[in-house]
Amino acid sequence: MAATPEKAPKDQWGRSQLVRPDSASLVGVIAVVDRIDPALAKRSAEHVLAWPRHFGLDALVVPAMKRLLQSKHRTGNGFTALHDAAVDHLRQRIAEPRIAEPLEAPRSWARPKTVRCDCEPCKQLSRFLVDPNEECWTLRAAQQIRTHVEYTIRHAPADVDCETVRRGSPHSLICTKNQASYQRRVIQRKLDLADLAILQGRPK
C-alpha cells in the first residue's frame, strides 16, 4: 500500500513528522536503488513524483538530476523517470506563452490583477492594476486601511511599490507600478534554459 501523509508518524501534539528531504538525499537513494533493484527504483521515482509538495521538481528533482549527471550516473529506472519528468517540467514552463520568446517588458502600465480581497480600497487597487494608462495611485486613508492595502499588495503579490507620505491627515499611500513579474520571468527563463541544457547534455 502506498504511503500517504496521513500515515506519517505524529509528534505529541498530533503534528505530522514527515521528513523533509533534500537533493543530496534523493541523489543517494536513486543512485543506490538503480544499482540493486530496478523495480524498486521505478517505484521510488513514482513515489517522488506523486508527492510534489514534499519532493518539488524545482527544489529537489532538477538539482538532484544535475548532481547525478555530474557523477556520471545516467541510467536506471529511477534516474530515467525523474530525468524525463524534470526535462518535461522545464520545457513546459519555457514554452508557456507568458514567458515564451520573445520575452518582452510590459508595453503599458496594465499589470496582472492578483488581488483577492474585495473591500472597497482593494477594489480601487484592482482597478488601478489593470489600468493601462496609470503608473501611480494615491490612497489617502487611515493607517489601518493603508496597512491592509500594503499587506494585500505584498501577499498578492502585485507589481507595485509602496511609499507612505506623512503630510496632511490622513496620510497618503503612494502606489507605483513596477516590472517585478517581468523581471522574475526573465530570471526564471534564464535558469530554466541553463538547467535544460545541462539535463540534455548540451553546453550552456
C-alpha atoms as a PDB file:
ATOM      1  CA  MET A   1       0.000   0.000   0.000  1.00  0.00           C
ATOM      2  CA  ALA A   2       1.329   3.434  -0.947  1.00  0.00           C
ATOM      3  CA  ALA A   3       2.402   5.815   1.776  1.00  0.00           C
ATOM      4  CA  THR A   4       0.235   8.828   2.475  1.00  0.00           C
ATOM      5  CA  PRO A   5       0.786  11.995   4.543  1.00  0.00           C
ATOM      6  CA  GLU A   6      -1.997  10.889   6.911  1.00  0.00           C
ATOM      7  CA  LYS A   7       0.028   7.789   7.866  1.00  0.00           C
ATOM      8  CA  ALA A   8       3.196   9.677   8.715  1.00  0.00           C
ATOM      9  CA  PRO A   9       4.363   9.497  12.371  1.00  0.00           C
ATOM     10  CA  LYS A  10       2.904  12.174  14.662  1.00  0.00           C
ATOM     11  CA  ASP A  11       4.533  14.155  17.445  1.00  0.00           C
ATOM     12  CA  GLN A  12       2.980  14.632  20.898  1.00  0.00           C
ATOM     13  CA  TRP A  13       0.746  17.420  19.552  1.00  0.00           C
ATOM     14  CA  GLY A  14      -0.532  15.320  16.660  1.00  0.00           C
ATOM     15  CA  ARG A  15       1.555  17.114  14.026  1.00  0.00           C
ATOM     16  CA  SER A  16       2.972  15.114  11.133  1.00  0.00           C
ATOM     17  CA  GLN A  17       6.659  14.222  11.473  1.00  0.00           C
ATOM     18  CA  LEU A  18       7.300  13.949   7.759  1.00  0.00           C
ATOM     19  CA  VAL A  19      10.987  14.045   6.881  1.00  0.00           C
ATOM     20  CA  ARG A  20      11.855  16.929   4.574  1.00  0.00           C
ATOM     21  CA  PRO A  21      14.326  15.511   2.045  1.00  0.00           C
ATOM     22  CA  ASP A  22      16.970  17.449   0.137  1.00  0.00           C
ATOM     23  CA  SER A  23      18.506  16.910  -3.285  1.00  0.00           C
ATOM     24  CA  ALA A  24      21.582  15.191  -1.814  1.00  0.00           C
ATOM     25  CA  SER A  25      19.469  12.528  -0.089  1.00  0.00           C
ATOM     26  CA  LEU A  26      17.446  12.000  -3.268  1.00  0.00           C
ATOM     27  CA  VAL A  27      20.676  11.548  -5.221  1.00  0.00           C
ATOM     28  CA  GLY A  28      21.825   8.902  -2.748  1.00  0.00           C
ATOM     29  CA  VAL A  29      18.554   6.974  -2.850  1.00  0.00           C
ATOM     30  CA  ILE A  30      18.296   6.915  -6.645  1.00  0.00           C
ATOM     31  CA  ALA A  31      21.952   6.023  -7.133  1.00  0.00           C
ATOM     32  CA  VAL A  32      21.607   3.040  -4.775  1.00  0.00           C
ATOM     33  CA  VAL A  33      18.248   1.608  -5.826  1.00  0.00           C
ATOM     34  CA  ASP A  34      19.061   1.953  -9.527  1.00  0.00           C
ATOM     35  CA  ARG A  35      22.015  -0.389  -8.963  1.00  0.00           C
ATOM     36  CA  ILE A  36      20.341  -3.010  -6.785  1.00  0.00           C
ATOM     37  CA  ASP A  37      16.634  -3.195  -7.678  1.00  0.00           C
ATOM     38  CA  PRO A  38      15.188  -1.775 -10.953  1.00  0.00           C
ATOM     39  CA  ALA A  39      11.594  -2.370  -9.807  1.00  0.00           C
ATOM     40  CA  LEU A  40      12.177  -0.565  -6.512  1.00  0.00           C
ATOM     41  CA  ALA A  41      13.904   2.258  -8.387  1.00  0.00           C
ATOM     42  CA  LYS A  42      10.853   2.722 -10.581  1.00  0.00           C
ATOM     43  CA  ARG A  43       8.509   2.729  -7.567  1.00  0.00           C
ATOM     44  CA  SER A  44      10.776   5.195  -5.768  1.00  0.00           C
ATOM     45  CA  ALA A  45      10.658   7.600  -8.694  1.00  0.00           C
ATOM     46  CA  GLU A  46       6.874   7.258  -8.932  1.00  0.00           C
ATOM     47  CA  HIS A  47       6.629   8.000  -5.206  1.00  0.00           C
ATOM     48  CA  VAL A  48       8.745  11.145  -5.573  1.00  0.00           C
ATOM     49  CA  LEU A  49       6.663  12.414  -8.494  1.00  0.00           C
ATOM     50  CA  ALA A  50       3.409  11.628  -6.673  1.00  0.00           C
ATOM     51  CA  TRP A  51       4.378  13.878  -3.742  1.00  0.00           C
ATOM     52  CA  PRO A  52       5.162  17.241  -5.376  1.00  0.00           C
ATOM     53  CA  ARG A  53       4.674  19.143  -2.109  1.00  0.00           C
ATOM     54  CA  HIS A  54       7.476  17.152  -0.471  1.00  0.00           C
ATOM     55  CA  PHE A  55       9.677  16.376  -3.493  1.00  0.00           C
ATOM     56  CA  GLY A  56       9.328  19.546  -5.557  1.00  0.00           C
ATOM     57  CA  LEU A  57      10.601  19.444  -9.118  1.00  0.00           C
ATOM     58  CA  ASP A  58      12.390  22.777  -8.783  1.00  0.00           C
ATOM     59  CA  ALA A  59      13.550  22.328  -5.196  1.00  0.00           C
ATOM     60  CA  LEU A  60      14.714  18.702  -5.352  1.00  0.00           C
ATOM     61  CA  VAL A  61      14.293  16.786  -8.603  1.00  0.00           C
ATOM     62  CA  VAL A  62      16.030  19.145 -11.032  1.00  0.00           C
ATOM     63  CA  PRO A  63      19.032  19.749  -8.698  1.00  0.00           C
ATOM     64  CA  ALA A  64      19.263  16.002  -7.996  1.00  0.00           C
ATOM     65  CA  MET A  65      19.305  15.130 -11.689  1.00  0.00           C
ATOM     66  CA  LYS A  66      22.062  17.680 -12.290  1.00  0.00           C
ATOM     67  CA  ARG A  67      24.125  16.157  -9.485  1.00  0.00           C
ATOM     68  CA  LEU A  68      23.589  12.628 -10.796  1.00  0.00           C
ATOM     69  CA  LEU A  69      24.707  13.694 -14.259  1.00  0.00           C
ATOM     70  CA  GLN A  70      27.828  15.250 -12.778  1.00  0.00           C
ATOM     71  CA  SER A  71      28.541  11.945 -11.038  1.00  0.00           C
ATOM     72  CA  LYS A  72      28.151  10.113 -14.399  1.00  0.00           C
ATOM     73  CA  HIS A  73      25.003   8.326 -13.232  1.00  0.00           C
ATOM     74  CA  ARG A  74      22.925   8.364 -16.424  1.00  0.00           C
ATOM     75  CA  THR A  75      20.993   5.080 -16.434  1.00  0.00           C
ATOM     76  CA  GLY A  76      18.459   3.170 -14.374  1.00  0.00           C
ATOM     77  CA  ASN A  77      14.693   3.223 -13.973  1.00  0.00           C
ATOM     78  CA  GLY A  78      14.738   5.774 -11.181  1.00  0.00           C
ATOM     79  CA  PHE A  79      17.087   8.152 -12.934  1.00  0.00           C
ATOM     80  CA  THR A  80      15.260   7.879 -16.271  1.00  0.00           C
ATOM     81  CA  ALA A  81      11.822   8.549 -14.786  1.00  0.00           C
ATOM     82  CA  LEU A  82      12.948  11.553 -12.746  1.00  0.00           C
ATOM     83  CA  HIS A  83      15.172  12.913 -15.502  1.00  0.00           C
ATOM     84  CA  ASP A  84      12.322  12.770 -18.022  1.00  0.00           C
ATOM     85  CA  ALA A  85       9.952  14.457 -15.566  1.00  0.00           C
ATOM     86  CA  ALA A  86      12.470  17.232 -14.894  1.00  0.00           C
ATOM     87  CA  VAL A  87      13.059  17.839 -18.602  1.00  0.00           C
ATOM     88  CA  ASP A  88       9.305  17.908 -19.323  1.00  0.00           C
ATOM     89  CA  HIS A  89       8.755  20.327 -16.437  1.00  0.00           C
ATOM     90  CA  LEU A  90      11.383  22.755 -17.735  1.00  0.00           C
ATOM     91  CA  ARG A  91      10.214  22.504 -21.339  1.00  0.00           C
ATOM     92  CA  GLN A  92       6.606  23.192 -20.382  1.00  0.00           C
ATOM     93  CA  ARG A  93       7.495  26.270 -18.357  1.00  0.00           C
ATOM     94  CA  ILE A  94       9.781  27.620 -21.079  1.00  0.00           C
ATOM     95  CA  ALA A  95       7.020  27.068 -23.655  1.00  0.00           C
ATOM     96  CA  GLU A  96       4.320  28.874 -21.683  1.00  0.00           C
ATOM     97  CA  PRO A  97       3.007  31.799 -23.753  1.00  0.00           C
ATOM     98  CA  ARG A  98       3.609  34.250 -20.927  1.00  0.00           C
ATOM     99  CA  ILE A  99       7.357  33.541 -20.936  1.00  0.00           C
ATOM    100  CA  ALA A 100       7.906  32.280 -24.476  1.00  0.00           C
ATOM    101  CA  GLU A 101      10.298  34.067 -26.817  1.00  0.00           C
ATOM    102  CA  PRO A 102      10.401  36.932 -27.320  1.00  0.00           C
ATOM    103  CA  LEU A 103      10.226  37.819 -23.645  1.00  0.00           C
ATOM    104  CA  GLU A 104       9.142  41.440 -23.650  1.00  0.00           C
ATOM    105  CA  ALA A 105       8.741  44.032 -20.951  1.00  0.00           C
ATOM    106  CA  PRO A 106       5.173  45.337 -20.429  1.00  0.00           C
ATOM    107  CA  ARG A 107       4.103  47.703 -23.189  1.00  0.00           C
ATOM    108  CA  SER A 108       1.648  49.596 -20.985  1.00  0.00           C
ATOM    109  CA  TRP A 109       1.010  50.197 -17.290  1.00  0.00           C
ATOM    110  CA  ALA A 110      -1.521  47.363 -17.099  1.00  0.00           C
ATOM    111  CA  ARG A 111      -0.477  44.739 -14.568  1.00  0.00           C
ATOM    112  CA  PRO A 112      -1.920  41.334 -13.585  1.00  0.00           C
ATOM    113  CA  LYS A 113      -4.942  41.547 -11.321  1.00  0.00           C
ATOM    114  CA  THR A 114      -3.793  39.372  -8.429  1.00  0.00           C
ATOM    115  CA  VAL A 115      -5.809  40.903  -5.592  1.00  0.00           C
ATOM    116  CA  ARG A 116      -8.369  38.622  -3.916  1.00  0.00           C
ATOM    117  CA  CYS A 117      -9.764  40.947  -1.279  1.00  0.00           C
ATOM    118  CA  ASP A 118     -12.970  42.696  -2.346  1.00  0.00           C
ATOM    119  CA  CYS A 119     -13.113  45.512   0.209  1.00  0.00           C
ATOM    120  CA  GLU A 120     -13.539  48.951  -1.327  1.00  0.00           C
ATOM    121  CA  PRO A 121      -9.865  50.078  -1.072  1.00  0.00           C
ATOM    122  CA  CYS A 122      -8.730  46.783  -2.609  1.00  0.00           C
ATOM    123  CA  LYS A 123     -11.308  47.162  -5.392  1.00  0.00           C
ATOM    124  CA  GLN A 124      -9.705  50.526  -6.127  1.00  0.00           C
ATOM    125  CA  LEU A 125      -6.322  48.802  -6.116  1.00  0.00           C
ATOM    126  CA  SER A 126      -7.579  46.196  -8.597  1.00  0.00           C
ATOM    127  CA  ARG A 127      -8.876  48.879 -10.928  1.00  0.00           C
ATOM    128  CA  PHE A 128      -5.524  50.650 -10.702  1.00  0.00           C
ATOM    129  CA  LEU A 129      -3.629  47.446 -11.519  1.00  0.00           C
ATOM    130  CA  VAL A 130      -5.462  46.759 -14.783  1.00  0.00           C
ATOM    131  CA  ASP A 131      -5.470  50.390 -15.952  1.00  0.00           C
ATOM    132  CA  PRO A 132      -3.018  50.609 -18.878  1.00  0.00           C
ATOM    133  CA  ASN A 133      -2.536  54.362 -18.502  1.00  0.00           C
ATOM    134  CA  GLU A 134      -1.977  54.827 -14.766  1.00  0.00           C
ATOM    135  CA  GLU A 135       1.512  54.434 -13.282  1.00  0.00           C
ATOM    136  CA  CYS A 136       0.730  55.792  -9.804  1.00  0.00           C
ATOM    137  CA  TRP A 137      -2.211  55.723  -7.428  1.00  0.00           C
ATOM    138  CA  THR A 138      -2.592  57.654  -4.186  1.00  0.00           C
ATOM    139  CA  LEU A 139      -4.664  56.283  -1.344  1.00  0.00           C
ATOM    140  CA  ARG A 140      -5.440  58.802   1.389  1.00  0.00           C
ATOM    141  CA  ALA A 141      -6.801  56.809   4.291  1.00  0.00           C
ATOM    142  CA  ALA A 142      -6.399  55.926   7.938  1.00  0.00           C
ATOM    143  CA  GLN A 143      -3.376  53.867   8.929  1.00  0.00           C
ATOM    144  CA  GLN A 144      -5.404  50.666   9.359  1.00  0.00           C
ATOM    145  CA  ILE A 145      -6.659  50.855   5.776  1.00  0.00           C
ATOM    146  CA  ARG A 146      -3.242  51.748   4.352  1.00  0.00           C
ATOM    147  CA  THR A 147      -1.645  48.863   6.245  1.00  0.00           C
ATOM    148  CA  HIS A 148      -4.281  46.473   4.897  1.00  0.00           C
ATOM    149  CA  VAL A 149      -3.710  47.593   1.312  1.00  0.00           C
ATOM    150  CA  GLU A 150       0.073  47.272   1.693  1.00  0.00           C
ATOM    151  CA  TYR A 151      -0.400  43.759   3.091  1.00  0.00           C
ATOM    152  CA  THR A 152      -2.637  42.881   0.139  1.00  0.00           C
ATOM    153  CA  ILE A 153      -0.026  44.148  -2.330  1.00  0.00           C
ATOM    154  CA  ARG A 154       2.791  42.173  -0.681  1.00  0.00           C
ATOM    155  CA  HIS A 155       0.870  38.929  -0.463  1.00  0.00           C
ATOM    156  CA  ALA A 156      -0.871  39.084  -3.864  1.00  0.00           C
ATOM    157  CA  PRO A 157       1.921  39.662  -4.973  1.00  0.00           C
ATOM    158  CA  ALA A 158       1.222  42.748  -7.062  1.00  0.00           C
ATOM    159  CA  ASP A 159       3.714  44.630  -9.215  1.00  0.00           C
ATOM    160  CA  VAL A 160       3.562  47.714  -7.028  1.00  0.00           C
ATOM    161  CA  ASP A 161       5.983  49.642  -4.820  1.00  0.00           C
ATOM    162  CA  CYS A 162       4.541  51.495  -1.830  1.00  0.00           C
ATOM    163  CA  GLU A 163       5.597  54.646  -0.018  1.00  0.00           C
ATOM    164  CA  THR A 164       3.801  56.427   2.804  1.00  0.00           C
ATOM    165  CA  VAL A 165       3.767  60.233   2.630  1.00  0.00           C
ATOM    166  CA  ARG A 166       3.203  61.624   6.103  1.00  0.00           C
ATOM    167  CA  ARG A 167       1.844  65.019   5.107  1.00  0.00           C
ATOM    168  CA  GLY A 168      -1.697  66.079   5.816  1.00  0.00           C
ATOM    169  CA  SER A 169      -4.299  63.989   7.568  1.00  0.00           C
ATOM    170  CA  PRO A 170      -4.932  61.242   6.828  1.00  0.00           C
ATOM    171  CA  HIS A 171      -1.531  60.270   5.441  1.00  0.00           C
ATOM    172  CA  SER A 172      -1.179  59.032   1.873  1.00  0.00           C
ATOM    173  CA  LEU A 173      -0.019  55.704   0.470  1.00  0.00           C
ATOM    174  CA  ILE A 174       1.671  56.245  -2.883  1.00  0.00           C
ATOM    175  CA  CYS A 175       1.477  53.097  -5.054  1.00  0.00           C
ATOM    176  CA  THR A 176       3.741  52.947  -8.113  1.00  0.00           C
ATOM    177  CA  LYS A 177       3.738  50.095 -10.613  1.00  0.00           C
ATOM    178  CA  ASN A 178       6.969  48.216 -11.311  1.00  0.00           C
ATOM    179  CA  GLN A 179       8.136  45.345 -13.527  1.00  0.00           C
ATOM    180  CA  ALA A 180       8.706  42.733 -10.827  1.00  0.00           C
ATOM    181  CA  SER A 181       6.750  39.942 -12.570  1.00  0.00           C
ATOM    182  CA  TYR A 182       8.576  40.520 -15.841  1.00  0.00           C
ATOM    183  CA  GLN A 183      11.941  40.553 -14.079  1.00  0.00           C
ATOM    184  CA  ARG A 184      11.098  37.311 -12.270  1.00  0.00           C
ATOM    185  CA  ARG A 185      10.170  35.699 -15.588  1.00  0.00           C
ATOM    186  CA  VAL A 186      13.451  36.826 -17.132  1.00  0.00           C
ATOM    187  CA  ILE A 187      15.428  35.286 -14.258  1.00  0.00           C
ATOM    188  CA  GLN A 188      13.328  32.096 -14.255  1.00  0.00           C
ATOM    189  CA  ARG A 189      13.671  31.692 -18.011  1.00  0.00           C
ATOM    190  CA  LYS A 190      17.449  32.075 -17.834  1.00  0.00           C
ATOM    191  CA  LEU A 191      17.648  29.458 -15.077  1.00  0.00           C
ATOM    192  CA  ASP A 192      15.312  27.070 -16.903  1.00  0.00           C
ATOM    193  CA  LEU A 193      17.264  27.282 -20.160  1.00  0.00           C
ATOM    194  CA  ALA A 194      20.546  26.679 -18.329  1.00  0.00           C
ATOM    195  CA  ASP A 195      19.123  23.710 -16.395  1.00  0.00           C
ATOM    196  CA  LEU A 196      17.557  22.218 -19.513  1.00  0.00           C
ATOM    197  CA  ALA A 197      20.881  22.471 -21.345  1.00  0.00           C
ATOM    198  CA  ILE A 198      22.580  20.593 -18.517  1.00  0.00           C
ATOM    199  CA  LEU A 199      19.929  17.879 -18.343  1.00  0.00           C
ATOM    200  CA  GLN A 200      20.048  17.397 -22.092  1.00  0.00           C
ATOM    201  CA  GLY A 201      23.832  17.239 -22.117  1.00  0.00           C
ATOM    202  CA  ARG A 202      24.369  20.477 -24.010  1.00  0.00           C
ATOM    203  CA  PRO A 203      26.818  23.230 -23.090  1.00  0.00           C
ATOM    204  CA  LYS A 204      25.310  26.367 -21.585  1.00  0.00           C
END
